[in-house]
Amino acid sequence: MIQLSNVRKEFGRRVAVNDLSLAVPSGEIFGLLGHNGAGKSTAIGMMLGQVWPTAGAVRVCGHDVTRHRARALQKVGAIFESPAFYDYLSGWRNLEILSTYTAPTSPQRIREVLDWVGLSQREHSPVRTYSHGMRARLALAQALLPHPELLILDEPGEGLDPEGIHEIRQTVLRLHRELGLTILLSSHLLSEVEQLCTRIAVLHNGRRVFQGRLEETRRRNHWVRLQVSDFAAAVRVLENAGSISNHREGERIALCPGVETDEVVRRLVAADIAVFEIAREADSLESFYLSLMSDYRGEKGAASEPEA
């Protein structure tokens, strides 16, 4: 549904996206992750034809966005950056007006999308009376108006309370399950990405540093929490023995392949370093993401191999 090939975007002297290749298969909920300034919003802007690439190709729904933007986005709905509404008008009237920017929309379709997002009881209330969660659902309703096959959501849960985040999550899952939509989701909420997505890509300083299925992130986790009497000395002992490949935060070590925690304890005790606690990190997207960012903090810049 989305194919970015060696895309680069420069804003003056600043490179926001650098040699980015990305593939979003049909029928997936695909997560796009990265720190602030990693290039996520720029990449999404290029997918939507709002930002022009300096180099490379961007294809959406089989069409080149820079050459055939209308065709590429005909079946695309999106929430991008901060959706704006006319606060003094009702939710219904907002959808009527906003739909005219692309194509006329029937009252039946407006009613249908309002039902989908759970606003059917408040559609005639002024938007200024809406909670933040209701505004998020109205933005989602707007994205659903064109009968999309692809839904692009940029931080849909931003600023929501736990109840609002839960409602958006359940709505996204239902749209995917019942309408078969392909969904690209950009979010800082790693726990939400973990519950929603089947595949992810991680950006760092404009480059892709990982792309794969969510279960791959669990298989790659080798981080161990270690509390000892002298962490710096423990790191030196373990590095000299070839037992660890990395360390961070003064209490975490990354084990080399084939190394188990019992070996770490034996080496440290033999070096007269007291071990108070040692435990493998839970296999979570958060631990994978943090370890990946730690690996690339030195600006290695290497991207993972493209998927077959």
Protein backbone atom coordinates (compact mmCIF):
# COMPACT_ATOMS: atom_id res chain seq x y z
CA MET A 1 0.00 0.00 0.00
CA ILE A 2 2.93 2.34 0.71
CA GLN A 3 6.37 2.12 -0.90
CA LEU A 4 9.17 4.60 -0.22
CA SER A 5 12.34 4.02 -2.24
CA ASN A 6 15.60 5.77 -1.27
CA VAL A 7 13.72 8.91 -0.26
CA ARG A 8 15.61 12.00 0.85
CA LYS A 9 14.22 15.30 2.09
CA GLU A 10 16.28 18.42 2.73
CA PHE A 11 15.09 21.64 4.34
CA GLY A 12 17.89 24.00 3.40
CA ARG A 13 21.03 22.47 4.89
CA ARG A 14 19.14 20.19 7.25
CA VAL A 15 18.49 16.61 6.11
CA ALA A 16 15.20 15.47 7.65
CA VAL A 17 14.96 12.11 5.85
CA ASN A 18 17.99 10.32 4.47
CA ASP A 19 17.85 7.39 2.01
CA LEU A 20 14.63 6.04 3.51
CA SER A 21 13.13 2.87 2.04
CA LEU A 22 9.92 1.60 3.57
CA ALA A 23 7.25 -0.93 2.60
CA VAL A 24 3.79 -1.15 4.21
CA PRO A 25 2.00 -4.34 3.11
CA SER A 26 -1.74 -4.41 2.47
CA GLY A 27 -3.90 -5.45 5.42
CA GLU A 28 -1.36 -4.64 8.15
CA ILE A 29 -1.41 -2.27 11.10
CA PHE A 30 2.07 -0.81 10.66
CA GLY A 31 3.80 1.23 13.38
CA LEU A 32 6.22 4.05 12.58
CA LEU A 33 8.45 4.86 15.58
CA GLY A 34 11.25 7.25 16.39
CA HIS A 35 12.32 10.11 18.62
CA ASN A 36 11.20 13.71 18.08
CA GLY A 37 12.95 14.90 14.94
CA ALA A 38 13.58 11.38 13.65
CA GLY A 39 11.71 12.15 10.40
CA LYS A 40 8.34 10.47 11.03
CA SER A 41 6.16 13.50 10.29
CA THR A 42 8.26 14.43 7.26
CA ALA A 43 7.89 10.89 5.90
CA ILE A 44 4.11 10.99 6.43
CA GLY A 45 3.95 14.45 4.84
CA MET A 46 5.61 13.01 1.73
CA MET A 47 3.15 10.08 1.68
CA LEU A 48 0.29 12.60 1.70
CA GLY A 49 1.82 14.87 -0.94
CA GLN A 50 2.14 17.78 1.49
CA VAL A 51 5.94 17.62 1.50
CA TRP A 52 7.88 17.11 -1.73
CA PRO A 53 10.86 14.71 -1.61
CA THR A 54 14.26 16.04 -2.63
CA ALA A 55 15.11 12.64 -4.11
CA GLY A 56 13.62 9.15 -4.32
CA ALA A 57 10.14 7.82 -5.06
CA VAL A 58 6.97 7.73 -2.94
CA ARG A 59 4.16 5.42 -4.06
CA VAL A 60 0.80 5.09 -2.31
CA CYS A 61 -1.90 2.64 -3.43
CA GLY A 62 0.20 1.86 -6.49
CA HIS A 63 0.59 5.47 -7.71
CA ASP A 64 3.50 7.91 -7.58
CA VAL A 65 2.43 10.66 -5.19
CA THR A 66 4.54 13.37 -6.83
CA ARG A 67 3.14 12.65 -10.32
CA HIS A 68 -0.40 11.45 -9.64
CA ARG A 69 -1.31 12.79 -6.21
CA ALA A 70 -5.10 12.68 -6.72
CA ARG A 71 -5.04 9.02 -7.80
CA ALA A 72 -2.60 8.03 -5.05
CA LEU A 73 -4.72 9.59 -2.28
CA GLN A 74 -8.17 8.77 -3.63
CA LYS A 75 -8.65 5.92 -1.14
CA VAL A 76 -6.57 7.38 1.70
CA GLY A 77 -7.83 8.85 4.97
CA ALA A 78 -5.47 10.61 7.35
CA ILE A 79 -5.03 12.36 10.67
CA PHE A 80 -1.87 14.44 10.23
CA GLU A 81 -0.37 16.77 12.84
CA SER A 82 -3.09 18.73 14.73
CA PRO A 83 -6.56 18.51 13.09
CA ALA A 84 -8.36 21.88 13.09
CA PHE A 85 -12.11 22.38 13.29
CA TYR A 86 -14.58 25.26 13.35
CA ASP A 87 -15.29 25.38 17.09
CA TYR A 88 -18.53 27.33 16.80
CA LEU A 89 -20.05 24.78 14.39
CA SER A 90 -21.35 21.31 15.17
CA GLY A 91 -19.40 18.15 14.50
CA TRP A 92 -21.84 17.28 11.72
CA ARG A 93 -21.45 20.68 10.02
CA ASN A 94 -17.66 20.43 10.28
CA LEU A 95 -17.71 17.11 8.45
CA GLU A 96 -20.02 18.54 5.77
CA ILE A 97 -17.69 21.49 5.15
CA LEU A 98 -14.44 19.54 5.28
CA SER A 99 -15.75 16.86 2.91
CA THR A 100 -16.40 19.48 0.20
CA TYR A 101 -12.65 20.10 -0.06
CA THR A 102 -12.27 16.70 -1.72
CA ALA A 103 -15.66 15.36 -2.87
CA PRO A 104 -19.31 15.80 -1.88
CA THR A 105 -20.36 13.36 0.84
CA SER A 106 -23.90 12.11 1.45
CA PRO A 107 -25.64 12.60 4.80
CA GLN A 108 -25.86 8.80 5.03
CA ARG A 109 -22.06 8.53 4.92
CA ILE A 110 -21.61 11.23 7.56
CA ARG A 111 -24.09 9.41 9.79
CA GLU A 112 -22.24 6.14 9.22
CA VAL A 113 -18.80 7.46 10.21
CA LEU A 114 -20.19 9.26 13.27
CA ASP A 115 -21.68 5.96 14.40
CA TRP A 116 -18.35 4.24 13.80
CA VAL A 117 -16.45 6.63 16.09
CA GLY A 118 -19.16 6.89 18.74
CA LEU A 119 -20.27 10.51 18.23
CA SER A 120 -23.82 9.86 17.08
CA GLN A 121 -25.28 11.39 20.27
CA ARG A 122 -23.24 14.62 20.05
CA GLU A 123 -23.04 15.31 16.33
CA HIS A 124 -25.14 18.51 16.58
CA SER A 125 -23.26 19.99 19.56
CA PRO A 126 -20.71 22.77 18.92
CA VAL A 127 -17.19 21.40 18.69
CA ARG A 128 -16.07 23.86 21.38
CA THR A 129 -18.03 21.70 23.86
CA TYR A 130 -16.17 18.53 22.83
CA SER A 131 -13.59 16.92 25.09
CA HIS A 132 -10.11 16.22 23.72
CA GLY A 133 -11.10 12.60 23.18
CA MET A 134 -14.22 13.60 21.25
CA ARG A 135 -12.14 15.88 19.02
CA ALA A 136 -9.82 12.93 18.32
CA ARG A 137 -12.83 10.82 17.34
CA LEU A 138 -14.14 13.63 15.11
CA ALA A 139 -10.75 13.73 13.37
CA LEU A 140 -10.99 9.97 12.85
CA ALA A 141 -14.51 10.41 11.44
CA GLN A 142 -13.16 12.95 8.93
CA ALA A 143 -10.43 10.49 7.89
CA LEU A 144 -13.07 7.81 7.27
CA LEU A 145 -15.31 9.93 5.03
CA PRO A 146 -13.75 8.96 1.65
CA HIS A 147 -14.27 5.17 2.17
CA PRO A 148 -10.50 4.69 2.58
CA GLU A 149 -8.57 1.51 2.00
CA LEU A 150 -5.53 3.05 3.73
CA LEU A 151 -5.66 5.01 6.97
CA ILE A 152 -2.65 7.12 8.05
CA LEU A 153 -2.73 8.20 11.69
CA ASP A 154 -0.09 10.57 13.05
CA GLU A 155 -0.11 10.44 16.89
CA PRO A 156 -3.87 9.71 17.22
CA GLY A 157 -3.60 9.27 21.01
CA GLU A 158 -1.59 12.44 21.69
CA GLY A 159 -2.91 14.35 24.71
CA LEU A 160 -5.61 11.80 25.55
CA ASP A 161 -6.28 10.41 29.01
CA PRO A 162 -6.09 6.60 29.53
CA GLU A 163 -9.80 6.19 28.79
CA GLY A 164 -9.50 8.17 25.54
CA ILE A 165 -6.44 6.17 24.47
CA HIS A 166 -8.35 2.94 25.13
CA GLU A 167 -11.31 4.15 23.03
CA ILE A 168 -9.09 5.10 20.08
CA ARG A 169 -7.26 1.75 20.31
CA GLN A 170 -10.51 -0.23 20.24
CA THR A 171 -11.82 1.84 17.31
CA VAL A 172 -8.62 1.28 15.30
CA LEU A 173 -8.75 -2.46 15.95
CA ARG A 174 -12.41 -2.58 14.92
CA LEU A 175 -11.73 -0.64 11.70
CA HIS A 176 -8.95 -3.05 10.83
CA ARG A 177 -10.96 -6.14 11.73
CA GLU A 178 -14.35 -5.24 10.24
CA LEU A 179 -13.41 -2.99 7.31
CA GLY A 180 -10.08 -4.62 6.44
CA LEU A 181 -8.24 -1.29 6.37
CA THR A 182 -4.48 -1.02 6.05
CA ILE A 183 -3.34 1.34 8.82
CA LEU A 184 -0.08 3.24 9.23
CA LEU A 185 0.25 4.45 12.82
CA SER A 186 2.87 6.89 14.07
CA SER A 187 3.02 7.08 17.86
CA HIS A 188 5.23 7.72 20.88
CA LEU A 189 3.04 5.40 22.96
CA LEU A 190 5.03 2.18 22.67
CA SER A 191 2.53 0.18 24.73
CA GLU A 192 -0.21 1.14 22.25
CA VAL A 193 1.94 0.22 19.25
CA GLU A 194 2.65 -3.13 20.91
CA GLN A 195 -1.08 -3.82 21.30
CA LEU A 196 -2.06 -2.62 17.83
CA CYS A 197 0.67 -3.26 15.26
CA THR A 198 1.78 -6.33 13.36
CA ARG A 199 4.88 -4.71 11.85
CA ILE A 200 6.99 -1.70 12.77
CA ALA A 201 9.74 0.50 11.39
CA VAL A 202 12.04 2.61 13.58
CA LEU A 203 13.61 5.86 12.36
CA HIS A 204 16.66 7.53 13.86
CA ASN A 205 17.95 10.87 12.57
CA GLY A 206 16.10 10.45 9.28
CA ARG A 207 17.27 6.89 8.61
CA ARG A 208 15.50 3.58 9.02
CA VAL A 209 17.32 1.48 11.61
CA PHE A 210 14.81 -1.36 11.85
CA GLN A 211 11.87 -2.78 9.92
CA GLY A 212 10.21 -6.08 10.65
CA ARG A 213 7.45 -8.00 12.37
CA LEU A 214 6.69 -7.18 15.99
CA GLU A 215 7.75 -10.64 17.19
CA GLU A 216 11.26 -9.99 15.86
CA THR A 217 11.68 -7.25 18.47
CA ARG A 218 11.15 -9.82 21.21
CA ARG A 219 13.67 -12.27 19.79
CA ARG A 220 16.38 -9.60 19.64
CA ASN A 221 16.24 -8.57 23.28
CA HIS A 222 19.44 -9.53 25.19
CA TRP A 223 19.37 -6.85 27.88
CA VAL A 224 19.85 -7.77 31.52
CA ARG A 225 19.35 -5.60 34.59
CA LEU A 226 22.42 -5.85 36.81
CA GLN A 227 22.95 -4.35 40.28
CA VAL A 228 26.45 -4.80 41.65
CA SER A 229 28.84 -3.14 44.08
CA ASP A 230 30.82 -1.50 41.23
CA PHE A 231 29.08 -1.35 37.84
CA ALA A 232 32.04 0.20 35.96
CA ALA A 233 34.37 -2.52 37.20
CA ALA A 234 31.80 -5.20 36.33
CA VAL A 235 31.55 -3.86 32.77
CA ARG A 236 35.33 -4.00 32.36
CA VAL A 237 35.44 -7.61 33.59
CA LEU A 238 32.59 -8.72 31.33
CA GLU A 239 33.88 -6.86 28.26
CA ASN A 240 37.35 -8.39 28.69
CA ALA A 241 35.71 -11.84 28.90
CA GLY A 242 33.64 -11.20 25.76
CA SER A 243 30.40 -11.71 27.70
CA ILE A 244 28.64 -8.42 26.90
CA SER A 245 28.27 -6.28 23.79
CA ASN A 246 26.87 -3.07 25.31
CA HIS A 247 25.79 -1.38 28.52
CA ARG A 248 23.62 1.60 29.47
CA GLU A 249 22.08 3.57 32.34
CA GLY A 250 24.59 2.27 34.88
CA GLU A 251 22.57 -0.89 35.50
CA ARG A 252 21.89 -2.66 32.21
CA ILE A 253 24.11 -4.93 30.11
CA ALA A 254 23.54 -6.57 26.73
CA LEU A 255 24.66 -10.20 26.69
CA CYS A 256 26.54 -11.61 23.72
CA PRO A 257 24.88 -14.54 21.92
CA GLY A 258 25.18 -17.78 23.89
CA VAL A 259 25.98 -16.05 27.19
CA GLU A 260 23.63 -16.73 30.11
CA THR A 261 23.21 -14.92 33.42
CA ASP A 262 24.87 -17.70 35.44
CA GLU A 263 28.12 -17.15 33.52
CA VAL A 264 27.95 -13.40 34.30
CA VAL A 265 27.52 -14.11 38.02
CA ARG A 266 30.43 -16.57 38.09
CA ARG A 267 32.79 -14.08 36.41
CA LEU A 268 31.81 -11.21 38.70
CA VAL A 269 32.06 -13.27 41.88
CA ALA A 270 35.48 -14.51 40.74
CA ALA A 271 36.49 -10.85 40.31
CA ASP A 272 35.34 -10.13 43.88
CA ILE A 273 32.41 -7.95 42.70
CA ALA A 274 29.26 -8.39 44.79
CA VAL A 275 26.11 -9.16 42.76
CA PHE A 276 22.89 -7.88 44.38
CA GLU A 277 20.47 -8.53 41.52
CA ILE A 278 20.54 -9.90 37.98
CA ALA A 279 17.45 -10.36 35.82
CA ARG A 280 16.65 -10.47 32.13
CA GLU A 281 14.58 -7.56 30.86
CA ALA A 282 10.99 -8.39 29.96
CA ASP A 283 10.55 -8.97 26.24
CA SER A 284 8.78 -5.71 25.42
CA LEU A 285 8.76 -3.23 22.58
CA GLU A 286 9.96 -0.57 25.01
CA SER A 287 13.10 -2.49 25.96
CA PHE A 288 13.82 -3.26 22.30
CA TYR A 289 13.33 0.37 21.29
CA LEU A 290 15.52 1.73 24.09
CA SER A 291 18.31 -0.72 23.31
CA LEU A 292 18.08 0.14 19.60
CA MET A 293 18.29 3.86 20.35
CA SER A 294 21.25 3.17 22.64
CA ASP A 295 23.01 1.29 19.84
CA TYR A 296 22.46 4.13 17.34
CA ARG A 297 23.14 7.04 19.68
CA GLY A 298 26.65 7.04 18.31
CA GLU A 299 25.16 7.77 14.90
CA LYS A 300 26.05 4.48 13.25
CA GLY A 301 23.42 5.24 10.64
CA ALA A 302 23.19 1.71 9.30
CA ALA A 303 19.74 0.45 8.36
CA SER A 304 18.55 -3.10 8.70
CA GLU A 305 18.34 -5.21 5.56
CA PRO A 306 15.11 -4.83 3.56
CA GLU A 307 12.59 -7.56 4.07
CA ALA A 308 12.18 -10.15 1.35
